[in-house]
Amino acid sequence: SGIVSHVEPVIQRGAAVAPGMPVARIVDISRLKVTLYIGEQEVGKLKKGNIAFVEVPAASVRLKGSVAAVSSAASPGSGSFAVEIECPNSKEWAAKGGMSAVISIATAGKSSGMIVPSRAVSEREGKSGVWVARGSLSHFVAVDFKSIGRGRSLITGGLASGDTVIVSGISRLSEKSPLTLSILSDTVAQ
């Protein structure tokens, strides 16, 4: 099963085909495999089963998967190690083969917390924090965080279980502003 991604141009109705002659390419994109190459400083932190998030900007999806394999030897040409991530595609099969992705992998050596866009962290009364939705009202919560690059910050303390961090429209918020929430949880495949 799958999707026809290419039909050989010589194949036409009524044409004769020989055994072994390629006719079409069929791909199954219900599950994706992403291969990335990392350096020797990071390879020791990864193991099969680590949770990974695959963000595909061109398809506007963020998928949840896991590390399926970590190479035991470096590539002779680059000196980097191949890591394979497997994840289910979105329900709409939005991610396609060959698209670029941004990968985040949870490792034991990293601080745990919530990754948010850096623009979600703001200053208020001399404290760094984020706006959260509690019920239908906004609240500013002071947090501990660190920048982890690529426009993202890791929040390591200050949030309560179940807090929903507001990442859009925060410049217009004040304490206890009424909210209408749109939660995009279906963009992370389970």
N, C-alpha and C. Protein backbone atom coordinates (compact mmCIF):
# COMPACT_ATOMS: atom_id res chain seq x y z
N SER A 1 0.85 -1.18 0.00
CA SER A 1 0.00 0.00 0.00
C SER A 1 0.88 1.23 0.00
N GLY A 2 0.36 2.32 -0.48
CA GLY A 2 1.11 3.55 -0.52
C GLY A 2 0.55 4.50 -1.56
N ILE A 3 1.39 5.45 -1.98
CA ILE A 3 1.01 6.47 -2.94
C ILE A 3 1.96 6.38 -4.12
N VAL A 4 1.41 6.46 -5.33
CA VAL A 4 2.25 6.48 -6.52
C VAL A 4 2.94 7.84 -6.56
N SER A 5 4.28 7.83 -6.47
CA SER A 5 5.01 9.09 -6.45
C SER A 5 5.65 9.39 -7.80
N HIS A 6 5.76 8.39 -8.67
CA HIS A 6 6.40 8.60 -9.97
C HIS A 6 5.97 7.48 -10.91
N VAL A 7 5.64 7.83 -12.14
CA VAL A 7 5.36 6.85 -13.19
C VAL A 7 6.40 7.07 -14.28
N GLU A 8 7.05 5.99 -14.69
CA GLU A 8 8.07 6.09 -15.73
C GLU A 8 7.44 6.69 -16.99
N PRO A 9 8.10 7.66 -17.63
CA PRO A 9 7.51 8.33 -18.80
C PRO A 9 7.27 7.40 -19.99
N VAL A 10 8.01 6.30 -20.09
CA VAL A 10 7.83 5.38 -21.22
C VAL A 10 6.60 4.50 -21.05
N ILE A 11 6.01 4.51 -19.88
CA ILE A 11 4.84 3.67 -19.64
C ILE A 11 3.60 4.40 -20.11
N GLN A 12 2.93 3.80 -21.09
CA GLN A 12 1.70 4.35 -21.63
C GLN A 12 0.72 3.21 -21.82
N ARG A 13 -0.54 3.53 -21.95
CA ARG A 13 -1.57 2.52 -22.15
C ARG A 13 -1.23 1.70 -23.40
N GLY A 14 -1.23 0.38 -23.21
CA GLY A 14 -0.97 -0.52 -24.34
C GLY A 14 0.50 -0.84 -24.54
N ALA A 15 1.41 -0.19 -23.79
CA ALA A 15 2.84 -0.45 -23.95
C ALA A 15 3.20 -1.81 -23.35
N ALA A 16 4.15 -2.48 -23.97
CA ALA A 16 4.64 -3.75 -23.46
C ALA A 16 5.71 -3.48 -22.42
N VAL A 17 5.70 -4.25 -21.36
CA VAL A 17 6.71 -4.11 -20.33
C VAL A 17 7.42 -5.45 -20.15
N ALA A 18 8.68 -5.39 -19.88
CA ALA A 18 9.48 -6.60 -19.67
C ALA A 18 9.59 -6.87 -18.18
N PRO A 19 9.79 -8.13 -17.80
CA PRO A 19 9.98 -8.44 -16.38
C PRO A 19 11.15 -7.65 -15.81
N GLY A 20 10.97 -7.09 -14.63
CA GLY A 20 12.01 -6.32 -13.97
C GLY A 20 12.09 -4.87 -14.40
N MET A 21 11.29 -4.50 -15.39
CA MET A 21 11.31 -3.12 -15.88
C MET A 21 10.56 -2.22 -14.90
N PRO A 22 11.19 -1.10 -14.46
CA PRO A 22 10.47 -0.20 -13.55
C PRO A 22 9.26 0.42 -14.24
N VAL A 23 8.14 0.42 -13.54
CA VAL A 23 6.91 0.98 -14.07
C VAL A 23 6.53 2.24 -13.30
N ALA A 24 6.61 2.14 -11.97
CA ALA A 24 6.24 3.26 -11.11
C ALA A 24 6.94 3.11 -9.77
N ARG A 25 6.98 4.20 -9.03
CA ARG A 25 7.51 4.17 -7.67
C ARG A 25 6.35 4.42 -6.72
N ILE A 26 6.20 3.53 -5.75
CA ILE A 26 5.15 3.66 -4.75
C ILE A 26 5.82 3.89 -3.40
N VAL A 27 5.39 4.92 -2.70
CA VAL A 27 5.96 5.23 -1.38
C VAL A 27 4.87 5.17 -0.31
N ASP A 28 5.28 4.75 0.87
CA ASP A 28 4.39 4.74 2.03
C ASP A 28 4.88 5.82 2.97
N ILE A 29 4.14 6.93 3.10
CA ILE A 29 4.57 8.02 3.97
C ILE A 29 3.73 8.09 5.25
N SER A 30 3.07 6.99 5.59
CA SER A 30 2.33 6.99 6.85
C SER A 30 3.29 6.97 8.04
N ARG A 31 4.47 6.40 7.85
CA ARG A 31 5.54 6.45 8.84
C ARG A 31 6.77 7.01 8.15
N LEU A 32 7.47 7.88 8.83
CA LEU A 32 8.64 8.53 8.25
C LEU A 32 9.91 8.09 8.96
N LYS A 33 10.99 8.06 8.19
CA LYS A 33 12.31 7.82 8.77
C LYS A 33 13.17 9.03 8.42
N VAL A 34 13.75 9.63 9.45
CA VAL A 34 14.60 10.81 9.28
C VAL A 34 16.01 10.40 9.66
N THR A 35 16.96 10.69 8.79
CA THR A 35 18.36 10.40 9.10
C THR A 35 19.09 11.72 9.28
N LEU A 36 19.80 11.84 10.39
CA LEU A 36 20.61 13.02 10.63
C LEU A 36 22.00 12.57 11.07
N TYR A 37 22.94 13.46 10.94
CA TYR A 37 24.33 13.13 11.27
C TYR A 37 24.80 14.07 12.37
N ILE A 38 25.36 13.48 13.43
CA ILE A 38 25.80 14.29 14.57
C ILE A 38 27.28 14.00 14.87
N GLY A 39 27.88 14.89 15.62
CA GLY A 39 29.29 14.77 15.96
C GLY A 39 29.55 13.85 17.13
N GLU A 40 30.83 13.58 17.35
CA GLU A 40 31.22 12.63 18.40
C GLU A 40 30.94 13.15 19.81
N GLN A 41 30.82 14.47 19.99
CA GLN A 41 30.53 15.01 21.31
C GLN A 41 29.11 14.69 21.76
N GLU A 42 28.19 14.52 20.80
CA GLU A 42 26.78 14.29 21.12
C GLU A 42 26.35 12.83 21.01
N VAL A 43 27.04 12.03 20.19
CA VAL A 43 26.57 10.67 19.91
C VAL A 43 26.47 9.82 21.17
N GLY A 44 27.35 10.04 22.14
CA GLY A 44 27.31 9.26 23.37
C GLY A 44 26.09 9.56 24.24
N LYS A 45 25.41 10.67 23.99
CA LYS A 45 24.23 11.04 24.77
C LYS A 45 22.96 10.38 24.25
N LEU A 46 23.04 9.80 23.04
CA LEU A 46 21.84 9.24 22.41
C LEU A 46 21.79 7.73 22.54
N LYS A 47 20.57 7.21 22.61
CA LYS A 47 20.39 5.76 22.60
C LYS A 47 19.04 5.46 21.95
N LYS A 48 18.91 4.24 21.50
CA LYS A 48 17.66 3.81 20.87
C LYS A 48 16.52 4.01 21.87
N GLY A 49 15.43 4.60 21.39
CA GLY A 49 14.27 4.84 22.24
C GLY A 49 14.13 6.26 22.74
N ASN A 50 15.20 7.09 22.65
CA ASN A 50 15.07 8.50 23.06
C ASN A 50 13.92 9.15 22.30
N ILE A 51 13.12 9.95 22.99
CA ILE A 51 12.02 10.67 22.36
C ILE A 51 12.59 11.76 21.46
N ALA A 52 12.01 11.90 20.28
CA ALA A 52 12.46 12.92 19.33
C ALA A 52 11.26 13.66 18.78
N PHE A 53 11.44 14.96 18.53
CA PHE A 53 10.41 15.75 17.88
C PHE A 53 10.95 16.18 16.53
N VAL A 54 10.14 15.97 15.50
CA VAL A 54 10.51 16.29 14.13
C VAL A 54 9.60 17.42 13.67
N GLU A 55 10.17 18.61 13.51
CA GLU A 55 9.41 19.76 13.04
C GLU A 55 9.70 19.94 11.56
N VAL A 56 8.64 19.91 10.75
CA VAL A 56 8.78 20.06 9.29
C VAL A 56 8.15 21.40 8.92
N PRO A 57 8.96 22.46 8.82
CA PRO A 57 8.42 23.79 8.57
C PRO A 57 7.61 23.89 7.28
N ALA A 58 8.02 23.24 6.21
CA ALA A 58 7.31 23.34 4.93
C ALA A 58 5.90 22.75 5.02
N ALA A 59 5.70 21.79 5.92
CA ALA A 59 4.39 21.15 6.07
C ALA A 59 3.63 21.69 7.27
N SER A 60 4.26 22.57 8.05
CA SER A 60 3.67 23.14 9.26
C SER A 60 3.21 22.07 10.24
N VAL A 61 4.05 21.05 10.44
CA VAL A 61 3.71 20.00 11.40
C VAL A 61 4.89 19.75 12.33
N ARG A 62 4.55 19.26 13.51
CA ARG A 62 5.53 18.81 14.50
C ARG A 62 5.13 17.40 14.89
N LEU A 63 6.00 16.45 14.64
CA LEU A 63 5.71 15.04 14.85
C LEU A 63 6.53 14.49 16.00
N LYS A 64 5.95 13.55 16.73
CA LYS A 64 6.66 12.91 17.83
C LYS A 64 7.08 11.52 17.40
N GLY A 65 8.34 11.21 17.62
CA GLY A 65 8.86 9.90 17.27
C GLY A 65 9.91 9.48 18.26
N SER A 66 10.79 8.58 17.83
CA SER A 66 11.85 8.11 18.71
C SER A 66 13.08 7.73 17.89
N VAL A 67 14.21 7.67 18.57
CA VAL A 67 15.45 7.25 17.93
C VAL A 67 15.34 5.75 17.67
N ALA A 68 15.49 5.36 16.39
CA ALA A 68 15.39 3.96 16.01
C ALA A 68 16.76 3.30 15.94
N ALA A 69 17.79 4.08 15.62
CA ALA A 69 19.14 3.52 15.51
C ALA A 69 20.17 4.62 15.65
N VAL A 70 21.30 4.25 16.26
CA VAL A 70 22.45 5.15 16.37
C VAL A 70 23.64 4.38 15.82
N SER A 71 24.31 4.95 14.83
CA SER A 71 25.45 4.29 14.20
C SER A 71 26.55 4.03 15.22
N SER A 72 27.18 2.87 15.10
CA SER A 72 28.27 2.53 16.02
C SER A 72 29.63 2.95 15.46
N ALA A 73 29.65 3.48 14.24
CA ALA A 73 30.91 3.94 13.65
C ALA A 73 30.66 5.24 12.89
N ALA A 74 31.68 6.07 12.87
CA ALA A 74 31.58 7.35 12.15
C ALA A 74 31.66 7.12 10.66
N SER A 75 31.02 8.00 9.91
CA SER A 75 31.11 8.00 8.46
C SER A 75 32.53 8.40 8.08
N PRO A 76 33.22 7.62 7.23
CA PRO A 76 34.60 7.93 6.89
C PRO A 76 34.78 9.32 6.26
N GLY A 77 33.82 9.76 5.47
CA GLY A 77 33.95 11.04 4.79
C GLY A 77 33.78 12.24 5.68
N SER A 78 32.87 12.16 6.66
CA SER A 78 32.56 13.35 7.46
C SER A 78 32.97 13.22 8.92
N GLY A 79 33.16 12.02 9.40
CA GLY A 79 33.48 11.82 10.81
C GLY A 79 32.27 11.95 11.72
N SER A 80 31.08 12.05 11.14
CA SER A 80 29.87 12.17 11.95
C SER A 80 29.14 10.83 11.99
N PHE A 81 28.21 10.71 12.93
CA PHE A 81 27.50 9.47 13.17
C PHE A 81 26.05 9.59 12.70
N ALA A 82 25.57 8.58 11.99
CA ALA A 82 24.18 8.58 11.50
C ALA A 82 23.23 8.20 12.64
N VAL A 83 22.15 8.94 12.75
CA VAL A 83 21.09 8.66 13.72
C VAL A 83 19.78 8.60 12.94
N GLU A 84 19.02 7.52 13.14
CA GLU A 84 17.73 7.39 12.46
C GLU A 84 16.60 7.61 13.45
N ILE A 85 15.65 8.43 13.05
CA ILE A 85 14.46 8.72 13.85
C ILE A 85 13.27 8.20 13.07
N GLU A 86 12.37 7.52 13.72
CA GLU A 86 11.13 7.06 13.09
C GLU A 86 9.96 7.72 13.79
N CYS A 87 8.96 8.13 12.99
CA CYS A 87 7.77 8.77 13.57
C CYS A 87 6.59 8.58 12.62
N PRO A 88 5.39 8.57 13.18
CA PRO A 88 4.22 8.54 12.31
C PRO A 88 4.03 9.91 11.66
N ASN A 89 3.53 9.92 10.45
CA ASN A 89 3.24 11.17 9.76
C ASN A 89 1.95 11.74 10.33
N SER A 90 1.63 12.96 9.98
CA SER A 90 0.37 13.57 10.43
C SER A 90 -0.79 12.84 9.77
N LYS A 91 -1.98 13.04 10.29
CA LYS A 91 -3.17 12.39 9.74
C LYS A 91 -3.39 12.76 8.28
N GLU A 92 -2.98 13.96 7.91
CA GLU A 92 -3.16 14.43 6.52
C GLU A 92 -1.97 14.07 5.64
N TRP A 93 -0.99 13.36 6.19
CA TRP A 93 0.24 13.02 5.48
C TRP A 93 0.89 14.27 4.92
N ALA A 94 0.97 15.30 5.75
CA ALA A 94 1.48 16.60 5.31
C ALA A 94 2.98 16.56 5.00
N ALA A 95 3.76 15.82 5.80
CA ALA A 95 5.20 15.75 5.56
C ALA A 95 5.46 14.78 4.41
N LYS A 96 6.33 15.18 3.53
CA LYS A 96 6.66 14.38 2.34
C LYS A 96 8.13 13.99 2.39
N GLY A 97 8.47 12.92 1.68
CA GLY A 97 9.85 12.47 1.59
C GLY A 97 10.72 13.56 0.99
N GLY A 98 11.89 13.79 1.58
CA GLY A 98 12.83 14.78 1.06
C GLY A 98 12.70 16.16 1.66
N MET A 99 11.66 16.42 2.48
CA MET A 99 11.51 17.73 3.11
C MET A 99 12.54 17.89 4.23
N SER A 100 12.97 19.12 4.46
CA SER A 100 13.90 19.43 5.55
C SER A 100 13.15 19.43 6.87
N ALA A 101 13.87 19.11 7.95
CA ALA A 101 13.26 19.05 9.27
C ALA A 101 14.22 19.59 10.31
N VAL A 102 13.64 20.07 11.42
CA VAL A 102 14.41 20.48 12.59
C VAL A 102 14.14 19.42 13.65
N ILE A 103 15.20 18.83 14.18
CA ILE A 103 15.06 17.70 15.10
C ILE A 103 15.45 18.12 16.51
N SER A 104 14.63 17.72 17.49
CA SER A 104 14.95 17.90 18.90
C SER A 104 14.88 16.52 19.54
N ILE A 105 15.94 16.12 20.24
CA ILE A 105 15.99 14.79 20.86
C ILE A 105 16.19 14.97 22.36
N ALA A 106 15.33 14.32 23.15
CA ALA A 106 15.46 14.36 24.60
C ALA A 106 16.53 13.37 25.02
N THR A 107 17.49 13.84 25.81
CA THR A 107 18.56 12.97 26.30
C THR A 107 18.63 13.09 27.81
N ALA A 108 19.23 12.10 28.44
CA ALA A 108 19.36 12.11 29.89
C ALA A 108 20.26 13.24 30.37
N GLY A 109 21.18 13.69 29.53
CA GLY A 109 22.13 14.72 29.93
C GLY A 109 21.57 16.12 29.89
N LYS A 110 20.38 16.33 29.39
CA LYS A 110 19.80 17.66 29.28
C LYS A 110 18.86 17.93 30.44
N SER A 111 18.67 19.19 30.74
CA SER A 111 17.68 19.56 31.74
C SER A 111 16.30 19.26 31.20
N SER A 112 15.41 18.80 32.07
CA SER A 112 14.05 18.57 31.61
C SER A 112 13.25 19.85 31.75
N GLY A 113 12.22 19.96 30.97
CA GLY A 113 11.40 21.15 31.02
C GLY A 113 10.57 21.26 29.77
N MET A 114 10.11 22.45 29.49
CA MET A 114 9.28 22.71 28.33
C MET A 114 10.04 23.62 27.37
N ILE A 115 10.06 23.25 26.09
CA ILE A 115 10.69 24.09 25.08
C ILE A 115 9.62 24.99 24.49
N VAL A 116 9.90 26.29 24.48
CA VAL A 116 8.97 27.28 23.94
C VAL A 116 9.73 28.21 22.99
N PRO A 117 9.01 28.87 22.07
CA PRO A 117 9.69 29.89 21.27
C PRO A 117 10.25 30.97 22.20
N SER A 118 11.46 31.45 21.93
CA SER A 118 12.08 32.46 22.80
C SER A 118 11.23 33.70 22.93
N ARG A 119 10.43 34.01 21.91
CA ARG A 119 9.57 35.20 21.98
C ARG A 119 8.48 35.07 23.04
N ALA A 120 8.23 33.84 23.54
CA ALA A 120 7.21 33.64 24.58
C ALA A 120 7.71 34.11 25.94
N VAL A 121 9.04 34.20 26.12
CA VAL A 121 9.61 34.65 27.39
C VAL A 121 9.73 36.17 27.34
N SER A 122 9.18 36.82 28.36
CA SER A 122 9.21 38.29 28.39
C SER A 122 9.58 38.77 29.79
N GLU A 123 9.77 40.08 29.91
CA GLU A 123 10.12 40.72 31.18
C GLU A 123 8.91 41.46 31.73
N ARG A 124 8.72 41.36 33.03
CA ARG A 124 7.65 42.11 33.69
C ARG A 124 8.10 42.40 35.10
N GLU A 125 8.15 43.67 35.44
CA GLU A 125 8.56 44.11 36.79
C GLU A 125 9.90 43.50 37.19
N GLY A 126 10.84 43.46 36.22
CA GLY A 126 12.18 42.97 36.50
C GLY A 126 12.32 41.46 36.55
N LYS A 127 11.27 40.73 36.24
CA LYS A 127 11.34 39.27 36.27
C LYS A 127 11.08 38.70 34.89
N SER A 128 11.81 37.66 34.57
CA SER A 128 11.58 36.94 33.31
C SER A 128 10.51 35.90 33.54
N GLY A 129 9.60 35.79 32.58
CA GLY A 129 8.53 34.81 32.73
C GLY A 129 7.77 34.61 31.45
N VAL A 130 6.70 33.85 31.57
CA VAL A 130 5.83 33.56 30.45
C VAL A 130 4.38 33.81 30.86
N TRP A 131 3.56 34.03 29.87
CA TRP A 131 2.13 34.16 30.11
C TRP A 131 1.51 32.78 29.98
N VAL A 132 0.67 32.43 30.94
CA VAL A 132 -0.03 31.14 30.90
C VAL A 132 -1.53 31.38 30.95
N ALA A 133 -2.26 30.41 30.44
CA ALA A 133 -3.72 30.45 30.51
C ALA A 133 -4.16 29.55 31.64
N ARG A 134 -4.89 30.13 32.57
CA ARG A 134 -5.50 29.35 33.65
C ARG A 134 -6.98 29.65 33.60
N GLY A 135 -7.72 28.64 33.22
CA GLY A 135 -9.13 28.88 32.93
C GLY A 135 -9.21 29.72 31.68
N SER A 136 -9.95 30.80 31.73
CA SER A 136 -10.06 31.68 30.57
C SER A 136 -9.39 33.02 30.81
N LEU A 137 -8.41 33.04 31.76
CA LEU A 137 -7.70 34.28 32.08
C LEU A 137 -6.19 34.08 31.93
N SER A 138 -5.49 35.18 31.61
CA SER A 138 -4.03 35.14 31.49
C SER A 138 -3.38 35.46 32.83
N HIS A 139 -2.22 34.85 33.05
CA HIS A 139 -1.43 35.10 34.26
C HIS A 139 0.03 35.10 33.87
N PHE A 140 0.80 36.04 34.44
CA PHE A 140 2.24 36.08 34.21
C PHE A 140 2.91 35.23 35.27
N VAL A 141 3.78 34.31 34.86
CA VAL A 141 4.46 33.41 35.79
C VAL A 141 5.96 33.56 35.60
N ALA A 142 6.67 33.87 36.68
CA ALA A 142 8.13 33.95 36.62
C ALA A 142 8.68 32.55 36.44
N VAL A 143 9.67 32.40 35.55
CA VAL A 143 10.22 31.08 35.25
C VAL A 143 11.74 31.13 35.22
N ASP A 144 12.33 29.95 35.39
CA ASP A 144 13.76 29.75 35.15
C ASP A 144 13.86 29.20 33.74
N PHE A 145 14.78 29.74 32.94
CA PHE A 145 14.89 29.28 31.56
C PHE A 145 16.31 29.49 31.06
N LYS A 146 16.61 28.85 29.94
CA LYS A 146 17.87 29.11 29.25
C LYS A 146 17.62 29.01 27.76
N SER A 147 18.34 29.83 27.01
CA SER A 147 18.23 29.80 25.56
C SER A 147 18.94 28.55 25.06
N ILE A 148 18.28 27.81 24.14
CA ILE A 148 18.90 26.60 23.60
C ILE A 148 19.15 26.72 22.10
N GLY A 149 19.03 27.94 21.57
CA GLY A 149 19.33 28.18 20.16
C GLY A 149 18.12 27.99 19.26
N ARG A 150 18.29 28.40 17.98
CA ARG A 150 17.25 28.31 16.97
C ARG A 150 15.94 28.97 17.40
N GLY A 151 16.04 30.06 18.19
CA GLY A 151 14.85 30.80 18.59
C GLY A 151 14.00 30.09 19.62
N ARG A 152 14.63 29.22 20.42
CA ARG A 152 13.89 28.46 21.42
C ARG A 152 14.52 28.63 22.79
N SER A 153 13.68 28.49 23.81
CA SER A 153 14.14 28.53 25.20
C SER A 153 13.61 27.31 25.92
N LEU A 154 14.41 26.80 26.87
CA LEU A 154 14.00 25.66 27.69
C LEU A 154 13.60 26.21 29.05
N ILE A 155 12.33 26.03 29.43
CA ILE A 155 11.84 26.46 30.73
C ILE A 155 12.08 25.31 31.69
N THR A 156 12.90 25.55 32.72
CA THR A 156 13.28 24.49 33.66
C THR A 156 12.59 24.60 35.01
N GLY A 157 11.91 25.70 35.26
CA GLY A 157 11.22 25.83 36.54
C GLY A 157 10.23 26.97 36.53
N GLY A 158 9.22 26.86 37.42
CA GLY A 158 8.25 27.93 37.57
C GLY A 158 6.86 27.57 37.07
N LEU A 159 6.77 26.62 36.14
CA LEU A 159 5.46 26.23 35.62
C LEU A 159 4.84 25.15 36.48
N ALA A 160 3.52 25.15 36.56
CA ALA A 160 2.79 24.11 37.27
C ALA A 160 2.30 23.08 36.26
N SER A 161 2.08 21.88 36.72
CA SER A 161 1.56 20.83 35.85
C SER A 161 0.23 21.28 35.24
N GLY A 162 0.10 21.14 33.96
CA GLY A 162 -1.13 21.52 33.27
C GLY A 162 -1.16 22.95 32.77
N ASP A 163 -0.12 23.75 33.08
CA ASP A 163 -0.08 25.13 32.58
C ASP A 163 -0.02 25.13 31.05
N THR A 164 -0.77 26.02 30.43
CA THR A 164 -0.73 26.22 28.99
C THR A 164 -0.02 27.53 28.73
N VAL A 165 1.15 27.45 28.09
CA VAL A 165 1.95 28.64 27.82
C VAL A 165 1.40 29.33 26.58
N ILE A 166 1.22 30.64 26.67
CA ILE A 166 0.73 31.45 25.56
C ILE A 166 1.95 31.92 24.76
N VAL A 167 1.96 31.63 23.46
CA VAL A 167 3.12 31.98 22.63
C VAL A 167 2.80 33.01 21.56
N SER A 168 1.56 33.43 21.45
CA SER A 168 1.18 34.38 20.42
C SER A 168 0.32 35.49 21.04
N GLY A 169 0.55 36.72 20.60
CA GLY A 169 -0.26 37.84 21.07
C GLY A 169 0.06 38.30 22.48
N ILE A 170 1.24 37.96 22.99
CA ILE A 170 1.54 38.28 24.39
C ILE A 170 1.75 39.76 24.65
N SER A 171 2.05 40.54 23.62
CA SER A 171 2.28 41.98 23.84
C SER A 171 0.99 42.69 24.25
N ARG A 172 -0.15 42.09 23.98
CA ARG A 172 -1.43 42.72 24.32
C ARG A 172 -2.01 42.23 25.64
N LEU A 173 -1.28 41.36 26.36
CA LEU A 173 -1.82 40.77 27.58
C LEU A 173 -1.50 41.61 28.80
N SER A 174 -2.38 41.50 29.77
CA SER A 174 -2.14 42.03 31.11
C SER A 174 -2.68 40.97 32.07
N GLU A 175 -2.38 41.13 33.34
CA GLU A 175 -2.83 40.15 34.32
C GLU A 175 -4.35 40.01 34.29
N LYS A 176 -4.81 38.79 34.18
CA LYS A 176 -6.23 38.41 34.14
C LYS A 176 -6.97 38.94 32.91
N SER A 177 -6.26 39.04 31.79
CA SER A 177 -6.94 39.36 30.53
C SER A 177 -7.82 38.18 30.15
N PRO A 178 -9.04 38.44 29.68
CA PRO A 178 -9.88 37.32 29.24
C PRO A 178 -9.30 36.71 27.95
N LEU A 179 -9.39 35.39 27.84
CA LEU A 179 -8.78 34.69 26.72
C LEU A 179 -9.80 33.84 25.96
N THR A 180 -9.55 33.70 24.69
CA THR A 180 -10.20 32.68 23.87
C THR A 180 -9.06 31.82 23.35
N LEU A 181 -9.01 30.56 23.77
CA LEU A 181 -7.87 29.71 23.46
C LEU A 181 -8.08 28.88 22.20
N SER A 182 -7.00 28.74 21.45
CA SER A 182 -6.93 27.78 20.34
C SER A 182 -5.71 26.93 20.59
N ILE A 183 -5.92 25.72 21.06
CA ILE A 183 -4.82 24.83 21.40
C ILE A 183 -4.56 23.92 20.21
N LEU A 184 -3.31 23.88 19.75
CA LEU A 184 -2.95 23.14 18.56
C LEU A 184 -2.30 21.80 18.91
N SER A 185 -2.87 21.06 19.83
CA SER A 185 -2.25 19.80 20.27
C SER A 185 -2.28 18.74 19.19
N ASP A 186 -3.17 18.83 18.22
CA ASP A 186 -3.24 17.80 17.18
C ASP A 186 -2.11 17.90 16.17
N THR A 187 -1.23 18.93 16.28
CA THR A 187 -0.10 19.01 15.37
C THR A 187 1.05 18.13 15.82
N VAL A 188 0.97 17.57 17.02
CA VAL A 188 1.99 16.63 17.47
C VAL A 188 1.38 15.24 17.38
N ALA A 189 1.89 14.43 16.46
CA ALA A 189 1.36 13.07 16.30
C ALA A 189 1.72 12.26 17.53
N GLN A 190 0.80 11.48 18.02
CA GLN A 190 1.03 10.65 19.21
C GLN A 190 1.54 9.28 18.84
